[in-house]
Amino acid sequence: MTGLGAGKDLPFTLIAYRGGPGTRVVLRVSGLVFNEIVLEGGISF
């Protein structure tokens, strides 16, 4: 993930959407927003 270098020991919000490759993950940390795409695997709840 691109956002991993945004800061250490900071509060963050992660929004994960269900789905396989191509689904989205949104990371918010330090006032920055990182929109990521799952390339492999999947997210299920």
PDB file of N, CA and C in Angstrom:
ATOM      1  N   MET A   1       0.825  -1.197   0.000  1.00  0.00           N
ATOM      2  CA  MET A   1       0.000   0.000   0.000  1.00  0.00           C
ATOM      3  C   MET A   1       0.859   1.247   0.000  1.00  0.00           C
ATOM      4  N   THR A   2       0.441   2.179  -0.721  1.00  0.00           N
ATOM      5  CA  THR A   2       1.135   3.456  -0.820  1.00  0.00           C
ATOM      6  C   THR A   2       1.157   4.178   0.518  1.00  0.00           C
ATOM      7  N   GLY A   3       0.078   4.117   1.286  1.00  0.00           N
ATOM      8  CA  GLY A   3      -0.064   4.910   2.498  1.00  0.00           C
ATOM      9  C   GLY A   3       0.760   4.473   3.692  1.00  0.00           C
ATOM     10  N   LEU A   4       1.448   3.361   3.615  1.00  0.00           N
ATOM     11  CA  LEU A   4       2.180   2.862   4.776  1.00  0.00           C
ATOM     12  C   LEU A   4       3.278   3.809   5.244  1.00  0.00           C
ATOM     13  N   GLY A   5       3.820   4.641   4.384  1.00  0.00           N
ATOM     14  CA  GLY A   5       4.870   5.575   4.771  1.00  0.00           C
ATOM     15  C   GLY A   5       4.352   6.920   5.237  1.00  0.00           C
ATOM     16  N   ALA A   6       3.039   7.064   5.442  1.00  0.00           N
ATOM     17  CA  ALA A   6       2.437   8.359   5.786  1.00  0.00           C
ATOM     18  C   ALA A   6       2.689   8.781   7.224  1.00  0.00           C
ATOM     19  N   GLY A   7       3.112   7.886   8.088  1.00  0.00           N
ATOM     20  CA  GLY A   7       3.386   8.254   9.463  1.00  0.00           C
ATOM     21  C   GLY A   7       3.394   7.043  10.371  1.00  0.00           C
ATOM     22  N   LYS A   8       4.025   7.201  11.524  1.00  0.00           N
ATOM     23  CA  LYS A   8       4.139   6.109  12.483  1.00  0.00           C
ATOM     24  C   LYS A   8       3.354   6.473  13.736  1.00  0.00           C
ATOM     25  N   ASP A   9       2.641   5.508  14.293  1.00  0.00           N
ATOM     26  CA  ASP A   9       1.866   5.702  15.525  1.00  0.00           C
ATOM     27  C   ASP A   9       0.836   6.819  15.402  1.00  0.00           C
ATOM     28  N   LEU A  10       0.190   6.913  14.240  1.00  0.00           N
ATOM     29  CA  LEU A  10      -0.842   7.919  14.010  1.00  0.00           C
ATOM     30  C   LEU A  10      -2.192   7.233  13.848  1.00  0.00           C
ATOM     31  N   PRO A  11      -3.278   7.885  14.269  1.00  0.00           N
ATOM     32  CA  PRO A  11      -4.596   7.300  14.043  1.00  0.00           C
ATOM     33  C   PRO A  11      -4.901   7.266  12.549  1.00  0.00           C
ATOM     34  N   PHE A  12      -5.659   6.270  12.135  1.00  0.00           N
ATOM     35  CA  PHE A  12      -6.002   6.140  10.725  1.00  0.00           C
ATOM     36  C   PHE A  12      -7.385   5.532  10.595  1.00  0.00           C
ATOM     37  N   THR A  13      -7.957   5.669   9.409  1.00  0.00           N
ATOM     38  CA  THR A  13      -9.225   5.037   9.059  1.00  0.00           C
ATOM     39  C   THR A  13      -8.998   4.237   7.787  1.00  0.00           C
ATOM     40  N   LEU A  14      -9.484   2.999   7.779  1.00  0.00           N
ATOM     41  CA  LEU A  14      -9.384   2.150   6.600  1.00  0.00           C
ATOM     42  C   LEU A  14     -10.787   1.699   6.220  1.00  0.00           C
ATOM     43  N   ILE A  15     -11.172   1.949   4.991  1.00  0.00           N
ATOM     44  CA  ILE A  15     -12.456   1.485   4.472  1.00  0.00           C
ATOM     45  C   ILE A  15     -12.150   0.420   3.434  1.00  0.00           C
ATOM     46  N   ALA A  16     -12.661  -0.769   3.658  1.00  0.00           N
ATOM     47  CA  ALA A  16     -12.424  -1.887   2.738  1.00  0.00           C
ATOM     48  C   ALA A  16     -13.760  -2.329   2.155  1.00  0.00           C
ATOM     49  N   TYR A  17     -13.797  -2.528   0.870  1.00  0.00           N
ATOM     50  CA  TYR A  17     -14.993  -2.976   0.165  1.00  0.00           C
ATOM     51  C   TYR A  17     -14.864  -4.455  -0.163  1.00  0.00           C
ATOM     52  N   ARG A  18     -15.964  -5.193  -0.074  1.00  0.00           N
ATOM     53  CA  ARG A  18     -15.963  -6.616  -0.413  1.00  0.00           C
ATOM     54  C   ARG A  18     -15.632  -6.824  -1.875  1.00  0.00           C
ATOM     55  N   GLY A  19     -14.910  -7.902  -2.147  1.00  0.00           N
ATOM     56  CA  GLY A  19     -14.655  -8.259  -3.538  1.00  0.00           C
ATOM     57  C   GLY A  19     -13.287  -8.853  -3.742  1.00  0.00           C
ATOM     58  N   GLY A  20     -13.043  -9.227  -4.950  1.00  0.00           N
ATOM     59  CA  GLY A  20     -11.772  -9.824  -5.334  1.00  0.00           C
ATOM     60  C   GLY A  20     -10.870  -8.789  -5.975  1.00  0.00           C
ATOM     61  N   PRO A  21      -9.957  -9.237  -6.823  1.00  0.00           N
ATOM     62  CA  PRO A  21      -9.049  -8.308  -7.494  1.00  0.00           C
ATOM     63  C   PRO A  21      -9.826  -7.181  -8.174  1.00  0.00           C
ATOM     64  N   GLY A  22      -9.366  -5.966  -7.969  1.00  0.00           N
ATOM     65  CA  GLY A  22     -10.031  -4.797  -8.529  1.00  0.00           C
ATOM     66  C   GLY A  22     -10.888  -4.044  -7.530  1.00  0.00           C
ATOM     67  N   THR A  23     -11.151  -4.652  -6.362  1.00  0.00           N
ATOM     68  CA  THR A  23     -11.944  -3.958  -5.354  1.00  0.00           C
ATOM     69  C   THR A  23     -11.096  -2.875  -4.684  1.00  0.00           C
ATOM     70  N   ARG A  24     -11.753  -1.937  -4.011  1.00  0.00           N
ATOM     71  CA  ARG A  24     -11.065  -0.770  -3.444  1.00  0.00           C
ATOM     72  C   ARG A  24     -10.808  -0.889  -1.952  1.00  0.00           C
ATOM     73  N   VAL A  25      -9.742  -0.215  -1.527  1.00  0.00           N
ATOM     74  CA  VAL A  25      -9.421   0.010  -0.120  1.00  0.00           C
ATOM     75  C   VAL A  25      -9.041   1.482  -0.013  1.00  0.00           C
ATOM     76  N   VAL A  26      -9.625   2.203   0.958  1.00  0.00           N
ATOM     77  CA  VAL A  26      -9.332   3.618   1.137  1.00  0.00           C
ATOM     78  C   VAL A  26      -8.700   3.810   2.514  1.00  0.00           C
ATOM     79  N   LEU A  27      -7.495   4.358   2.544  1.00  0.00           N
ATOM     80  CA  LEU A  27      -6.763   4.616   3.781  1.00  0.00           C
ATOM     81  C   LEU A  27      -6.676   6.117   3.986  1.00  0.00           C
ATOM     82  N   ARG A  28      -7.079   6.586   5.185  1.00  0.00           N
ATOM     83  CA  ARG A  28      -6.964   8.002   5.546  1.00  0.00           C
ATOM     84  C   ARG A  28      -6.041   8.102   6.762  1.00  0.00           C
ATOM     85  N   VAL A  29      -4.946   8.867   6.607  1.00  0.00           N
ATOM     86  CA  VAL A  29      -3.989   9.064   7.698  1.00  0.00           C
ATOM     87  C   VAL A  29      -3.275  10.394   7.476  1.00  0.00           C
ATOM     88  N   SER A  30      -3.043  11.116   8.541  1.00  0.00           N
ATOM     89  CA  SER A  30      -2.325  12.397   8.495  1.00  0.00           C
ATOM     90  C   SER A  30      -2.940  13.385   7.507  1.00  0.00           C
ATOM     91  N   GLY A  31      -4.260  13.381   7.353  1.00  0.00           N
ATOM     92  CA  GLY A  31      -4.907  14.287   6.428  1.00  0.00           C
ATOM     93  C   GLY A  31      -4.766  13.885   4.967  1.00  0.00           C
ATOM     94  N   LEU A  32      -4.170  12.741   4.721  1.00  0.00           N
ATOM     95  CA  LEU A  32      -3.983  12.238   3.360  1.00  0.00           C
ATOM     96  C   LEU A  32      -4.972  11.117   3.089  1.00  0.00           C
ATOM     97  N   VAL A  33      -5.353  10.945   1.842  1.00  0.00           N
ATOM     98  CA  VAL A  33      -6.264   9.872   1.440  1.00  0.00           C
ATOM     99  C   VAL A  33      -5.579   9.051   0.360  1.00  0.00           C
ATOM    100  N   PHE A  34      -5.510   7.740   0.574  1.00  0.00           N
ATOM    101  CA  PHE A  34      -4.893   6.825  -0.377  1.00  0.00           C
ATOM    102  C   PHE A  34      -5.965   5.857  -0.874  1.00  0.00           C
ATOM    103  N   ASN A  35      -6.293   5.928  -2.159  1.00  0.00           N
ATOM    104  CA  ASN A  35      -7.237   5.016  -2.791  1.00  0.00           C
ATOM    105  C   ASN A  35      -6.427   3.892  -3.417  1.00  0.00           C
ATOM    106  N   GLU A  36      -6.596   2.702  -2.899  1.00  0.00           N
ATOM    107  CA  GLU A  36      -5.814   1.559  -3.360  1.00  0.00           C
ATOM    108  C   GLU A  36      -6.714   0.543  -4.031  1.00  0.00           C
ATOM    109  N   ILE A  37      -6.145  -0.289  -4.883  1.00  0.00           N
ATOM    110  CA  ILE A  37      -6.853  -1.352  -5.576  1.00  0.00           C
ATOM    111  C   ILE A  37      -6.229  -2.679  -5.168  1.00  0.00           C
ATOM    112  N   VAL A  38      -7.069  -3.647  -4.787  1.00  0.00           N
ATOM    113  CA  VAL A  38      -6.595  -4.992  -4.449  1.00  0.00           C
ATOM    114  C   VAL A  38      -6.197  -5.692  -5.749  1.00  0.00           C
ATOM    115  N   LEU A  39      -4.955  -6.149  -5.823  1.00  0.00           N
ATOM    116  CA  LEU A  39      -4.474  -6.819  -7.031  1.00  0.00           C
ATOM    117  C   LEU A  39      -4.631  -8.330  -6.987  1.00  0.00           C
ATOM    118  N   GLU A  40      -4.469  -8.901  -5.790  1.00  0.00           N
ATOM    119  CA  GLU A  40      -4.583 -10.356  -5.629  1.00  0.00           C
ATOM    120  C   GLU A  40      -5.386 -10.659  -4.378  1.00  0.00           C
ATOM    121  N   GLY A  41      -6.006 -11.805  -4.344  1.00  0.00           N
ATOM    122  CA  GLY A  41      -6.784 -12.200  -3.167  1.00  0.00           C
ATOM    123  C   GLY A  41      -8.132 -11.511  -3.158  1.00  0.00           C
ATOM    124  N   GLY A  42      -8.661 -11.319  -1.961  1.00  0.00           N
ATOM    125  CA  GLY A  42      -9.967 -10.702  -1.857  1.00  0.00           C
ATOM    126  C   GLY A  42     -10.278 -10.287  -0.437  1.00  0.00           C
ATOM    127  N   ILE A  43     -11.367  -9.553  -0.285  1.00  0.00           N
ATOM    128  CA  ILE A  43     -11.823  -9.080   1.023  1.00  0.00           C
ATOM    129  C   ILE A  43     -13.244  -9.590   1.219  1.00  0.00           C
ATOM    130  N   SER A  44     -13.482 -10.226   2.358  1.00  0.00           N
ATOM    131  CA  SER A  44     -14.833 -10.701   2.662  1.00  0.00           C
ATOM    132  C   SER A  44     -15.143 -10.402   4.113  1.00  0.00           C
ATOM    133  N   PHE A  45     -16.424 -10.289   4.416  1.00  0.00           N
ATOM    134  CA  PHE A  45     -16.880 -10.010   5.784  1.00  0.00           C
ATOM    135  C   PHE A  45     -17.802 -11.095   6.239  1.00  0.00           C
TER     136      PHE A  45
END
